[in-house]
Amino acid sequence: MKRQSTNNGSNSVLIPFDIISAASQGDADAIKKILTHYRGYILTLSTRRLYDASGMPSQCIDHELRNRLEAKLMSKILTFNIA
């Protein structure tokens, strides 16, 4: 995957067009690559802070939210129109 420099100086990896095109046509391997690409972002969004009985915070992954985010991404991939 190709790296592109962003305004803040960090490098981000772009998903190749052929993978996006294949995923929008329903290719399971291409969809898996896109989900893998966004895994870190989805896990960050799914992280919740919980407090135990003594008030100590701990972080955990909300698996239901993670599954919902992945399902929403997959549905948007499949409805993505490449002109």
N, C-alpha and C. Protein backbone atom coordinates (compact mmCIF):
# COMPACT_ATOMS: atom_id res chain seq x y z
N MET A 1 0.83 -1.17 0.00
CA MET A 1 0.00 0.00 0.00
C MET A 1 0.88 1.24 0.00
N LYS A 2 0.42 2.26 -0.65
CA LYS A 2 1.19 3.47 -0.85
C LYS A 2 1.06 4.40 0.35
N ARG A 3 2.18 5.02 0.74
CA ARG A 3 2.17 5.98 1.84
C ARG A 3 1.97 7.38 1.28
N GLN A 4 1.22 8.19 2.03
CA GLN A 4 1.01 9.57 1.65
C GLN A 4 1.27 10.43 2.88
N SER A 5 2.03 11.51 2.70
CA SER A 5 2.32 12.42 3.79
C SER A 5 1.10 13.29 4.06
N THR A 6 0.78 13.46 5.34
CA THR A 6 -0.34 14.30 5.72
C THR A 6 0.16 15.64 6.23
N ASN A 7 -0.74 16.55 6.50
CA ASN A 7 -0.36 17.90 6.95
C ASN A 7 0.40 17.89 8.26
N ASN A 8 0.12 16.97 9.15
CA ASN A 8 0.79 16.96 10.45
C ASN A 8 2.14 16.24 10.42
N GLY A 9 2.59 15.82 9.25
CA GLY A 9 3.90 15.21 9.11
C GLY A 9 3.92 13.70 9.23
N SER A 10 2.84 13.10 9.69
CA SER A 10 2.81 11.65 9.81
C SER A 10 2.48 11.03 8.45
N ASN A 11 2.82 9.78 8.30
CA ASN A 11 2.53 9.06 7.06
C ASN A 11 1.32 8.18 7.27
N SER A 12 0.43 8.17 6.30
CA SER A 12 -0.72 7.28 6.36
C SER A 12 -0.67 6.37 5.13
N VAL A 13 -1.19 5.18 5.29
CA VAL A 13 -1.18 4.21 4.20
C VAL A 13 -2.52 4.29 3.48
N LEU A 14 -2.46 4.42 2.17
CA LEU A 14 -3.67 4.47 1.36
C LEU A 14 -4.03 3.07 0.88
N ILE A 15 -5.31 2.79 0.80
CA ILE A 15 -5.78 1.52 0.27
C ILE A 15 -5.78 1.64 -1.25
N PRO A 16 -5.15 0.70 -1.96
CA PRO A 16 -5.11 0.77 -3.42
C PRO A 16 -6.51 0.73 -4.05
N PHE A 17 -6.65 1.39 -5.19
CA PHE A 17 -7.92 1.48 -5.88
C PHE A 17 -8.45 0.11 -6.26
N ASP A 18 -7.57 -0.80 -6.69
CA ASP A 18 -8.05 -2.11 -7.12
C ASP A 18 -8.67 -2.90 -5.96
N ILE A 19 -8.17 -2.70 -4.75
CA ILE A 19 -8.77 -3.36 -3.59
C ILE A 19 -10.13 -2.75 -3.27
N ILE A 20 -10.22 -1.43 -3.35
CA ILE A 20 -11.51 -0.76 -3.11
C ILE A 20 -12.53 -1.21 -4.14
N SER A 21 -12.11 -1.27 -5.39
CA SER A 21 -13.00 -1.68 -6.47
C SER A 21 -13.48 -3.12 -6.27
N ALA A 22 -12.55 -4.01 -5.93
CA ALA A 22 -12.92 -5.42 -5.72
C ALA A 22 -13.84 -5.56 -4.52
N ALA A 23 -13.57 -4.81 -3.46
CA ALA A 23 -14.41 -4.88 -2.26
C ALA A 23 -15.82 -4.40 -2.54
N SER A 24 -15.95 -3.35 -3.35
CA SER A 24 -17.29 -2.83 -3.64
C SER A 24 -18.09 -3.79 -4.51
N GLN A 25 -17.39 -4.73 -5.17
CA GLN A 25 -18.06 -5.76 -5.97
C GLN A 25 -18.30 -7.04 -5.17
N GLY A 26 -17.93 -7.03 -3.87
CA GLY A 26 -18.23 -8.16 -3.00
C GLY A 26 -17.11 -9.15 -2.79
N ASP A 27 -15.88 -8.84 -3.21
CA ASP A 27 -14.75 -9.75 -3.01
C ASP A 27 -14.42 -9.83 -1.51
N ALA A 28 -14.56 -11.03 -0.93
CA ALA A 28 -14.39 -11.21 0.51
C ALA A 28 -12.96 -10.89 0.96
N ASP A 29 -11.95 -11.26 0.17
CA ASP A 29 -10.56 -10.97 0.55
C ASP A 29 -10.30 -9.47 0.57
N ALA A 30 -10.84 -8.75 -0.39
CA ALA A 30 -10.64 -7.31 -0.44
C ALA A 30 -11.35 -6.62 0.74
N ILE A 31 -12.54 -7.09 1.08
CA ILE A 31 -13.25 -6.53 2.23
C ILE A 31 -12.47 -6.79 3.51
N LYS A 32 -11.88 -7.99 3.61
CA LYS A 32 -11.07 -8.32 4.79
C LYS A 32 -9.86 -7.40 4.89
N LYS A 33 -9.23 -7.08 3.76
CA LYS A 33 -8.08 -6.17 3.77
C LYS A 33 -8.48 -4.78 4.24
N ILE A 34 -9.64 -4.32 3.82
CA ILE A 34 -10.11 -3.00 4.25
C ILE A 34 -10.44 -3.01 5.74
N LEU A 35 -11.08 -4.07 6.22
CA LEU A 35 -11.37 -4.17 7.65
C LEU A 35 -10.08 -4.22 8.46
N THR A 36 -9.08 -4.93 7.95
CA THR A 36 -7.79 -4.99 8.63
C THR A 36 -7.14 -3.61 8.65
N HIS A 37 -7.26 -2.86 7.56
CA HIS A 37 -6.70 -1.52 7.49
C HIS A 37 -7.29 -0.61 8.57
N TYR A 38 -8.59 -0.73 8.79
CA TYR A 38 -9.28 0.14 9.75
C TYR A 38 -9.41 -0.47 11.15
N ARG A 39 -8.80 -1.62 11.39
CA ARG A 39 -8.94 -2.30 12.68
C ARG A 39 -8.54 -1.42 13.86
N GLY A 40 -7.39 -0.77 13.77
CA GLY A 40 -6.92 0.08 14.87
C GLY A 40 -7.87 1.21 15.17
N TYR A 41 -8.39 1.85 14.13
CA TYR A 41 -9.33 2.95 14.31
C TYR A 41 -10.62 2.46 14.94
N ILE A 42 -11.12 1.31 14.47
CA ILE A 42 -12.35 0.75 15.03
C ILE A 42 -12.15 0.36 16.49
N LEU A 43 -11.01 -0.22 16.83
CA LEU A 43 -10.73 -0.58 18.22
C LEU A 43 -10.64 0.66 19.10
N THR A 44 -10.06 1.73 18.57
CA THR A 44 -9.98 2.98 19.33
C THR A 44 -11.38 3.53 19.60
N LEU A 45 -12.23 3.50 18.59
CA LEU A 45 -13.60 3.98 18.77
C LEU A 45 -14.39 3.08 19.73
N SER A 46 -14.03 1.80 19.81
CA SER A 46 -14.76 0.84 20.63
C SER A 46 -14.26 0.76 22.06
N THR A 47 -13.20 1.47 22.39
CA THR A 47 -12.62 1.41 23.72
C THR A 47 -13.48 2.22 24.70
N ARG A 48 -13.81 1.59 25.82
CA ARG A 48 -14.63 2.23 26.84
C ARG A 48 -13.89 2.19 28.17
N ARG A 49 -14.07 3.24 28.96
CA ARG A 49 -13.48 3.29 30.30
C ARG A 49 -14.55 2.86 31.29
N LEU A 50 -14.23 1.84 32.07
CA LEU A 50 -15.13 1.33 33.10
C LEU A 50 -14.48 1.54 34.46
N TYR A 51 -15.28 1.59 35.49
CA TYR A 51 -14.79 1.77 36.85
C TYR A 51 -15.21 0.58 37.70
N ASP A 52 -14.27 0.07 38.49
CA ASP A 52 -14.61 -1.05 39.37
C ASP A 52 -15.26 -0.53 40.65
N ALA A 53 -15.53 -1.43 41.59
CA ALA A 53 -16.25 -1.07 42.82
C ALA A 53 -15.48 -0.04 43.66
N SER A 54 -14.15 -0.05 43.57
CA SER A 54 -13.36 0.91 44.35
C SER A 54 -13.10 2.21 43.60
N GLY A 55 -13.65 2.33 42.40
CA GLY A 55 -13.51 3.56 41.63
C GLY A 55 -12.30 3.62 40.72
N MET A 56 -11.58 2.53 40.60
CA MET A 56 -10.39 2.49 39.74
C MET A 56 -10.82 2.31 38.28
N PRO A 57 -10.29 3.14 37.40
CA PRO A 57 -10.68 3.02 36.00
C PRO A 57 -9.91 1.90 35.28
N SER A 58 -10.56 1.31 34.32
CA SER A 58 -9.90 0.34 33.44
C SER A 58 -10.55 0.47 32.07
N GLN A 59 -9.77 0.16 31.05
CA GLN A 59 -10.29 0.27 29.69
C GLN A 59 -10.57 -1.12 29.14
N CYS A 60 -11.63 -1.21 28.37
CA CYS A 60 -11.96 -2.48 27.72
C CYS A 60 -12.60 -2.18 26.37
N ILE A 61 -12.64 -3.20 25.55
CA ILE A 61 -13.23 -3.08 24.23
C ILE A 61 -14.71 -3.46 24.32
N ASP A 62 -15.57 -2.60 23.82
CA ASP A 62 -17.00 -2.89 23.72
C ASP A 62 -17.18 -3.69 22.43
N HIS A 63 -17.29 -5.01 22.57
CA HIS A 63 -17.33 -5.89 21.40
C HIS A 63 -18.59 -5.69 20.57
N GLU A 64 -19.69 -5.37 21.21
CA GLU A 64 -20.92 -5.11 20.46
C GLU A 64 -20.76 -3.88 19.58
N LEU A 65 -20.17 -2.82 20.13
CA LEU A 65 -19.93 -1.61 19.34
C LEU A 65 -18.95 -1.89 18.21
N ARG A 66 -17.90 -2.66 18.50
CA ARG A 66 -16.92 -3.01 17.47
C ARG A 66 -17.58 -3.77 16.32
N ASN A 67 -18.42 -4.72 16.65
CA ASN A 67 -19.12 -5.49 15.62
C ASN A 67 -20.06 -4.61 14.81
N ARG A 68 -20.73 -3.68 15.47
CA ARG A 68 -21.63 -2.78 14.76
C ARG A 68 -20.86 -1.85 13.82
N LEU A 69 -19.69 -1.36 14.25
CA LEU A 69 -18.87 -0.51 13.39
C LEU A 69 -18.35 -1.28 12.18
N GLU A 70 -17.91 -2.51 12.41
CA GLU A 70 -17.44 -3.34 11.29
C GLU A 70 -18.57 -3.64 10.32
N ALA A 71 -19.75 -3.94 10.83
CA ALA A 71 -20.90 -4.22 9.97
C ALA A 71 -21.29 -2.99 9.16
N LYS A 72 -21.25 -1.83 9.78
CA LYS A 72 -21.58 -0.58 9.08
C LYS A 72 -20.54 -0.31 7.98
N LEU A 73 -19.26 -0.53 8.28
CA LEU A 73 -18.22 -0.34 7.26
C LEU A 73 -18.43 -1.30 6.10
N MET A 74 -18.74 -2.56 6.39
CA MET A 74 -18.97 -3.53 5.32
C MET A 74 -20.17 -3.15 4.46
N SER A 75 -21.23 -2.68 5.09
CA SER A 75 -22.42 -2.29 4.30
C SER A 75 -22.11 -1.08 3.41
N LYS A 76 -21.31 -0.15 3.91
CA LYS A 76 -20.95 1.01 3.10
C LYS A 76 -19.99 0.63 1.98
N ILE A 77 -19.11 -0.34 2.23
CA ILE A 77 -18.21 -0.82 1.17
C ILE A 77 -19.03 -1.41 0.02
N LEU A 78 -20.01 -2.23 0.37
CA LEU A 78 -20.80 -2.93 -0.65
C LEU A 78 -21.72 -2.00 -1.42
N THR A 79 -22.10 -0.87 -0.83
CA THR A 79 -22.95 0.08 -1.54
C THR A 79 -22.17 1.22 -2.18
N PHE A 80 -20.82 1.18 -2.05
CA PHE A 80 -19.97 2.23 -2.60
C PHE A 80 -20.01 2.17 -4.13
N ASN A 81 -20.30 3.29 -4.74
CA ASN A 81 -20.43 3.36 -6.20
C ASN A 81 -19.15 3.96 -6.79
N ILE A 82 -18.45 3.16 -7.58
CA ILE A 82 -17.25 3.64 -8.25
C ILE A 82 -17.65 4.06 -9.65
N ALA A 83 -17.54 5.35 -9.91
CA ALA A 83 -17.97 5.89 -11.20
C ALA A 83 -16.92 5.71 -12.26
